[in-house]
Amino acid sequence: MRIIDLTTIEGMKKADLKIYPGDIIYVEPVRRVFSESIRDVTPILGILSSITTLILVIPNIFPKNESNSN
């Protein structure tokens, strides 16, 4: 088993390998912290946006009855 870092020139030099049938190559995924964070927060932002919209729209649909007793 070998671990090779292909993100550096030194790693590229060491990567001069022969690959044979049956060899298993595992590539670690690159973590994208910003994208993962946005994906986690999006449902919460959607709910907050919906609640805020309701709070702003409902008073305009059903205005208070201001009756003048003149």
Protein backbone atom coordinates (compact mmCIF):
# COMPACT_ATOMS: atom_id res chain seq x y z
CA MET A 1 0.00 0.00 0.00
CA ARG A 2 1.28 3.47 -0.89
CA ILE A 3 0.00 6.91 -0.08
CA ILE A 4 0.87 9.48 -2.72
CA ASP A 5 0.10 13.20 -2.53
CA LEU A 6 -0.46 14.36 -6.10
CA THR A 7 -0.94 17.99 -5.04
CA THR A 8 2.84 18.58 -4.89
CA ILE A 9 5.62 18.23 -7.45
CA GLU A 10 7.39 15.76 -5.18
CA GLY A 11 4.24 13.67 -5.04
CA MET A 12 3.98 13.72 -8.83
CA LYS A 13 7.57 12.43 -9.10
CA LYS A 14 6.76 9.57 -6.74
CA ALA A 15 3.59 8.77 -8.70
CA ASP A 16 5.58 7.10 -11.49
CA LEU A 17 3.89 3.78 -10.75
CA LYS A 18 2.70 0.85 -12.76
CA ILE A 19 -0.92 -0.05 -12.24
CA TYR A 20 -2.02 -3.61 -12.80
CA PRO A 21 -5.46 -5.17 -13.20
CA GLY A 22 -6.99 -5.74 -9.79
CA ASP A 23 -5.12 -2.82 -8.18
CA ILE A 24 -7.35 -0.66 -6.00
CA ILE A 25 -6.91 3.10 -6.18
CA TYR A 26 -8.56 5.23 -3.52
CA VAL A 27 -8.79 8.99 -3.96
CA GLU A 28 -9.69 10.96 -0.87
CA PRO A 29 -12.47 13.47 -1.48
CA VAL A 30 -11.69 17.15 -1.19
CA ARG A 31 -13.66 18.74 1.62
CA ARG A 32 -15.52 21.84 0.60
CA VAL A 33 -16.42 23.34 3.95
CA PHE A 34 -18.23 26.39 2.54
CA SER A 35 -20.44 24.32 0.20
CA GLU A 36 -21.24 21.80 2.92
CA SER A 37 -22.12 24.58 5.36
CA ILE A 38 -24.43 26.29 2.86
CA ARG A 39 -26.14 22.97 2.13
CA ASP A 40 -26.74 22.43 5.87
CA VAL A 41 -28.08 25.95 6.51
CA THR A 42 -30.31 26.27 3.41
CA PRO A 43 -33.40 24.49 4.86
CA ILE A 44 -33.29 26.68 7.98
CA LEU A 45 -33.00 29.84 5.89
CA GLY A 46 -35.97 28.70 3.80
CA ILE A 47 -38.14 28.23 6.88
CA LEU A 48 -37.09 31.61 8.32
CA SER A 49 -37.80 33.28 4.99
CA SER A 50 -41.29 31.74 4.83
CA ILE A 51 -42.13 32.79 8.39
CA THR A 52 -40.87 36.34 7.76
CA THR A 53 -42.96 36.56 4.59
CA LEU A 54 -46.07 35.45 6.46
CA ILE A 55 -45.47 37.98 9.21
CA LEU A 56 -45.14 40.79 6.67
CA VAL A 57 -47.98 39.75 4.34
CA ILE A 58 -50.78 38.74 6.72
CA PRO A 59 -51.26 42.25 8.22
CA ASN A 60 -51.61 43.64 4.68
CA ILE A 61 -54.23 41.06 3.72
CA PHE A 62 -56.31 41.57 6.86
CA PRO A 63 -55.91 45.23 7.81
CA LYS A 64 -57.22 46.43 11.17
CA ASN A 65 -60.71 47.84 11.00
CA GLU A 66 -60.45 51.44 12.06
CA SER A 67 -64.03 52.56 12.45
CA ASN A 68 -64.76 56.24 12.84
CA SER A 69 -67.88 56.83 14.90
CA ASN A 70 -68.81 60.16 13.31
